Amino acid sequence: MIRGRVIGKVWASKRIEALPRGALLEIEIEGKTRLIAFDPLGCDAGEDVLITQGSVAAAYFGGKAAPVDALIIGSIDEQT
């Protein structure tokens, strides 16, 4: 898993049909690297999130061949 922070939304009015409905969010990792992740949870800017990538992210959609390489799997409420 990767920890990151949501820094914004990415709007795509044209998408391939295999991409499910949901938000695409820009995530900052370690203050430098950025990536785009699919968000099934409804996260907002400023939230710390957990992300999974690769085949694990794609497997979330079951038998559908969704072209998702990064998936938000959790929103971090607190760290102790």
N, C-alpha and C. Protein backbone atom coordinates (compact mmCIF):
# COMPACT_ATOMS: atom_id res chain seq x y z
N MET A 1 0.83 -1.18 0.00
CA MET A 1 0.00 0.00 0.00
C MET A 1 0.88 1.24 0.00
N ILE A 2 0.31 2.30 -0.51
CA ILE A 2 1.00 3.58 -0.60
C ILE A 2 0.15 4.61 0.14
N ARG A 3 0.81 5.47 0.89
CA ARG A 3 0.10 6.56 1.56
C ARG A 3 0.30 7.83 0.76
N GLY A 4 -0.77 8.60 0.59
CA GLY A 4 -0.69 9.85 -0.14
C GLY A 4 -1.74 10.82 0.34
N ARG A 5 -1.74 12.00 -0.27
CA ARG A 5 -2.73 13.03 0.07
C ARG A 5 -3.40 13.51 -1.20
N VAL A 6 -4.73 13.62 -1.15
CA VAL A 6 -5.50 14.10 -2.30
C VAL A 6 -5.22 15.59 -2.47
N ILE A 7 -4.80 15.97 -3.68
CA ILE A 7 -4.52 17.39 -3.93
C ILE A 7 -5.46 18.00 -4.97
N GLY A 8 -6.30 17.16 -5.58
CA GLY A 8 -7.25 17.71 -6.54
C GLY A 8 -7.98 16.64 -7.32
N LYS A 9 -8.95 17.08 -8.09
CA LYS A 9 -9.73 16.19 -8.94
C LYS A 9 -9.29 16.34 -10.39
N VAL A 10 -9.42 15.27 -11.12
CA VAL A 10 -9.12 15.28 -12.55
C VAL A 10 -10.43 15.05 -13.28
N TRP A 11 -10.77 15.95 -14.18
CA TRP A 11 -12.03 15.84 -14.91
C TRP A 11 -11.76 15.27 -16.30
N ALA A 12 -12.51 14.26 -16.67
CA ALA A 12 -12.38 13.64 -17.98
C ALA A 12 -13.77 13.46 -18.57
N SER A 13 -14.16 14.33 -19.46
CA SER A 13 -15.50 14.24 -20.03
C SER A 13 -15.61 13.12 -21.06
N LYS A 14 -14.49 12.71 -21.61
CA LYS A 14 -14.47 11.59 -22.55
C LYS A 14 -13.66 10.46 -21.91
N ARG A 15 -14.31 9.30 -21.75
CA ARG A 15 -13.67 8.16 -21.12
C ARG A 15 -14.05 6.90 -21.88
N ILE A 16 -13.18 5.90 -21.83
CA ILE A 16 -13.53 4.64 -22.46
C ILE A 16 -14.60 3.95 -21.61
N GLU A 17 -15.43 3.14 -22.26
CA GLU A 17 -16.56 2.52 -21.57
C GLU A 17 -16.14 1.58 -20.45
N ALA A 18 -14.98 0.98 -20.54
CA ALA A 18 -14.53 0.03 -19.52
C ALA A 18 -14.18 0.71 -18.19
N LEU A 19 -13.97 2.02 -18.21
CA LEU A 19 -13.65 2.74 -16.97
C LEU A 19 -14.95 3.00 -16.22
N PRO A 20 -15.07 2.48 -15.00
CA PRO A 20 -16.32 2.64 -14.25
C PRO A 20 -16.58 4.10 -13.88
N ARG A 21 -17.80 4.40 -13.53
CA ARG A 21 -18.15 5.75 -13.07
C ARG A 21 -17.52 5.97 -11.71
N GLY A 22 -16.96 7.12 -11.50
CA GLY A 22 -16.31 7.45 -10.24
C GLY A 22 -15.34 8.58 -10.47
N ALA A 23 -14.77 9.05 -9.39
CA ALA A 23 -13.85 10.19 -9.47
C ALA A 23 -12.43 9.74 -9.75
N LEU A 24 -11.72 10.58 -10.46
CA LEU A 24 -10.28 10.42 -10.65
C LEU A 24 -9.62 11.54 -9.85
N LEU A 25 -8.76 11.17 -8.92
CA LEU A 25 -8.15 12.15 -8.04
C LEU A 25 -6.64 12.19 -8.24
N GLU A 26 -6.08 13.40 -8.11
CA GLU A 26 -4.63 13.54 -8.16
C GLU A 26 -4.11 13.39 -6.73
N ILE A 27 -3.12 12.53 -6.57
CA ILE A 27 -2.58 12.20 -5.26
C ILE A 27 -1.10 12.59 -5.23
N GLU A 28 -0.70 13.22 -4.14
CA GLU A 28 0.71 13.54 -3.94
C GLU A 28 1.29 12.54 -2.94
N ILE A 29 2.44 11.96 -3.33
CA ILE A 29 3.11 10.97 -2.50
C ILE A 29 4.48 11.50 -2.12
N GLU A 30 4.79 11.49 -0.83
CA GLU A 30 6.09 11.92 -0.32
C GLU A 30 6.48 13.32 -0.77
N GLY A 31 5.51 14.19 -0.97
CA GLY A 31 5.79 15.59 -1.27
C GLY A 31 6.31 15.90 -2.66
N LYS A 32 6.58 14.89 -3.48
CA LYS A 32 7.15 15.13 -4.80
C LYS A 32 6.39 14.42 -5.91
N THR A 33 6.22 13.14 -5.75
CA THR A 33 5.61 12.31 -6.79
C THR A 33 4.09 12.47 -6.78
N ARG A 34 3.51 12.48 -7.97
CA ARG A 34 2.06 12.56 -8.10
C ARG A 34 1.56 11.43 -8.98
N LEU A 35 0.34 10.98 -8.71
CA LEU A 35 -0.30 9.99 -9.56
C LEU A 35 -1.80 10.24 -9.57
N ILE A 36 -2.48 9.62 -10.52
CA ILE A 36 -3.93 9.70 -10.62
C ILE A 36 -4.48 8.37 -10.14
N ALA A 37 -5.45 8.42 -9.22
CA ALA A 37 -6.05 7.21 -8.67
C ALA A 37 -7.57 7.26 -8.81
N PHE A 38 -8.16 6.09 -9.03
CA PHE A 38 -9.61 5.98 -9.08
C PHE A 38 -10.13 5.96 -7.64
N ASP A 39 -11.20 6.71 -7.39
CA ASP A 39 -11.74 6.85 -6.04
C ASP A 39 -13.17 6.35 -5.93
N PRO A 40 -13.39 5.15 -5.38
CA PRO A 40 -14.75 4.66 -5.16
C PRO A 40 -15.32 5.11 -3.82
N LEU A 41 -14.55 5.85 -3.01
CA LEU A 41 -14.96 6.19 -1.65
C LEU A 41 -15.55 7.58 -1.49
N GLY A 42 -15.26 8.48 -2.41
CA GLY A 42 -15.75 9.86 -2.29
C GLY A 42 -14.84 10.75 -1.46
N CYS A 43 -13.54 10.62 -1.60
CA CYS A 43 -12.57 11.41 -0.84
C CYS A 43 -12.50 12.84 -1.38
N ASP A 44 -12.02 13.74 -0.53
CA ASP A 44 -11.90 15.15 -0.90
C ASP A 44 -10.46 15.62 -0.80
N ALA A 45 -10.20 16.79 -1.35
CA ALA A 45 -8.86 17.39 -1.29
C ALA A 45 -8.42 17.54 0.16
N GLY A 46 -7.16 17.25 0.40
CA GLY A 46 -6.60 17.35 1.74
C GLY A 46 -6.64 16.07 2.54
N GLU A 47 -7.40 15.08 2.10
CA GLU A 47 -7.49 13.82 2.83
C GLU A 47 -6.26 12.97 2.59
N ASP A 48 -5.81 12.31 3.66
CA ASP A 48 -4.76 11.32 3.53
C ASP A 48 -5.42 10.00 3.17
N VAL A 49 -4.86 9.30 2.19
CA VAL A 49 -5.48 8.08 1.69
C VAL A 49 -4.46 6.95 1.54
N LEU A 50 -4.98 5.73 1.47
CA LEU A 50 -4.18 4.55 1.17
C LEU A 50 -4.52 4.10 -0.24
N ILE A 51 -3.49 3.76 -1.00
CA ILE A 51 -3.66 3.41 -2.41
C ILE A 51 -3.01 2.06 -2.67
N THR A 52 -3.64 1.28 -3.52
CA THR A 52 -3.02 0.07 -4.03
C THR A 52 -2.87 0.22 -5.53
N GLN A 53 -1.91 -0.48 -6.11
CA GLN A 53 -1.65 -0.34 -7.54
C GLN A 53 -1.56 -1.69 -8.23
N GLY A 54 -1.57 -1.63 -9.54
CA GLY A 54 -1.35 -2.81 -10.37
C GLY A 54 -2.53 -3.76 -10.41
N SER A 55 -2.24 -5.06 -10.46
CA SER A 55 -3.28 -6.07 -10.62
C SER A 55 -4.25 -6.09 -9.44
N VAL A 56 -3.79 -5.73 -8.26
CA VAL A 56 -4.67 -5.68 -7.10
C VAL A 56 -5.74 -4.61 -7.30
N ALA A 57 -5.35 -3.46 -7.83
CA ALA A 57 -6.31 -2.38 -8.09
C ALA A 57 -7.31 -2.81 -9.15
N ALA A 58 -6.86 -3.43 -10.21
CA ALA A 58 -7.76 -3.87 -11.29
C ALA A 58 -8.70 -4.97 -10.81
N ALA A 59 -8.25 -5.83 -9.89
CA ALA A 59 -9.07 -6.94 -9.40
C ALA A 59 -10.28 -6.47 -8.61
N TYR A 60 -10.26 -5.26 -8.10
CA TYR A 60 -11.39 -4.70 -7.35
C TYR A 60 -12.68 -4.72 -8.17
N PHE A 61 -12.55 -4.63 -9.47
CA PHE A 61 -13.70 -4.54 -10.35
C PHE A 61 -14.20 -5.91 -10.82
N GLY A 62 -13.72 -6.96 -10.21
CA GLY A 62 -14.18 -8.32 -10.52
C GLY A 62 -13.76 -8.75 -11.91
N GLY A 63 -14.67 -9.37 -12.63
CA GLY A 63 -14.36 -9.89 -13.95
C GLY A 63 -14.28 -8.84 -15.04
N LYS A 64 -14.69 -7.62 -14.73
CA LYS A 64 -14.63 -6.55 -15.74
C LYS A 64 -13.18 -6.15 -15.96
N ALA A 65 -12.83 -5.89 -17.19
CA ALA A 65 -11.46 -5.48 -17.52
C ALA A 65 -11.34 -3.96 -17.40
N ALA A 66 -11.35 -3.46 -16.17
CA ALA A 66 -11.24 -2.02 -15.94
C ALA A 66 -9.78 -1.59 -16.02
N PRO A 67 -9.47 -0.57 -16.79
CA PRO A 67 -8.09 -0.11 -16.94
C PRO A 67 -7.66 0.81 -15.80
N VAL A 68 -7.70 0.28 -14.58
CA VAL A 68 -7.34 1.07 -13.40
C VAL A 68 -6.03 0.53 -12.83
N ASP A 69 -5.05 1.42 -12.69
CA ASP A 69 -3.74 1.02 -12.18
C ASP A 69 -3.52 1.49 -10.75
N ALA A 70 -4.29 2.46 -10.28
CA ALA A 70 -4.17 2.96 -8.91
C ALA A 70 -5.56 3.15 -8.34
N LEU A 71 -5.80 2.61 -7.16
CA LEU A 71 -7.13 2.60 -6.54
C LEU A 71 -7.02 3.04 -5.09
N ILE A 72 -7.85 4.00 -4.69
CA ILE A 72 -7.91 4.42 -3.29
C ILE A 72 -8.72 3.36 -2.54
N ILE A 73 -8.10 2.80 -1.50
CA ILE A 73 -8.76 1.72 -0.74
C ILE A 73 -9.09 2.13 0.68
N GLY A 74 -8.66 3.30 1.10
CA GLY A 74 -8.96 3.76 2.45
C GLY A 74 -8.66 5.23 2.64
N SER A 75 -9.41 5.84 3.55
CA SER A 75 -9.19 7.23 3.94
C SER A 75 -8.68 7.21 5.38
N ILE A 76 -7.53 7.81 5.63
CA ILE A 76 -6.91 7.77 6.95
C ILE A 76 -7.53 8.84 7.82
N ASP A 77 -8.16 8.42 8.92
CA ASP A 77 -8.78 9.35 9.85
C ASP A 77 -7.80 9.83 10.91
N GLU A 78 -6.95 8.92 11.36
CA GLU A 78 -6.05 9.25 12.46
C GLU A 78 -4.84 8.34 12.43
N GLN A 79 -3.71 8.87 12.85
CA GLN A 79 -2.50 8.06 12.98
C GLN A 79 -1.93 8.29 14.37
N THR A 80 -1.62 7.21 15.06
CA THR A 80 -1.06 7.37 16.43
C THR A 80 0.32 6.80 16.50
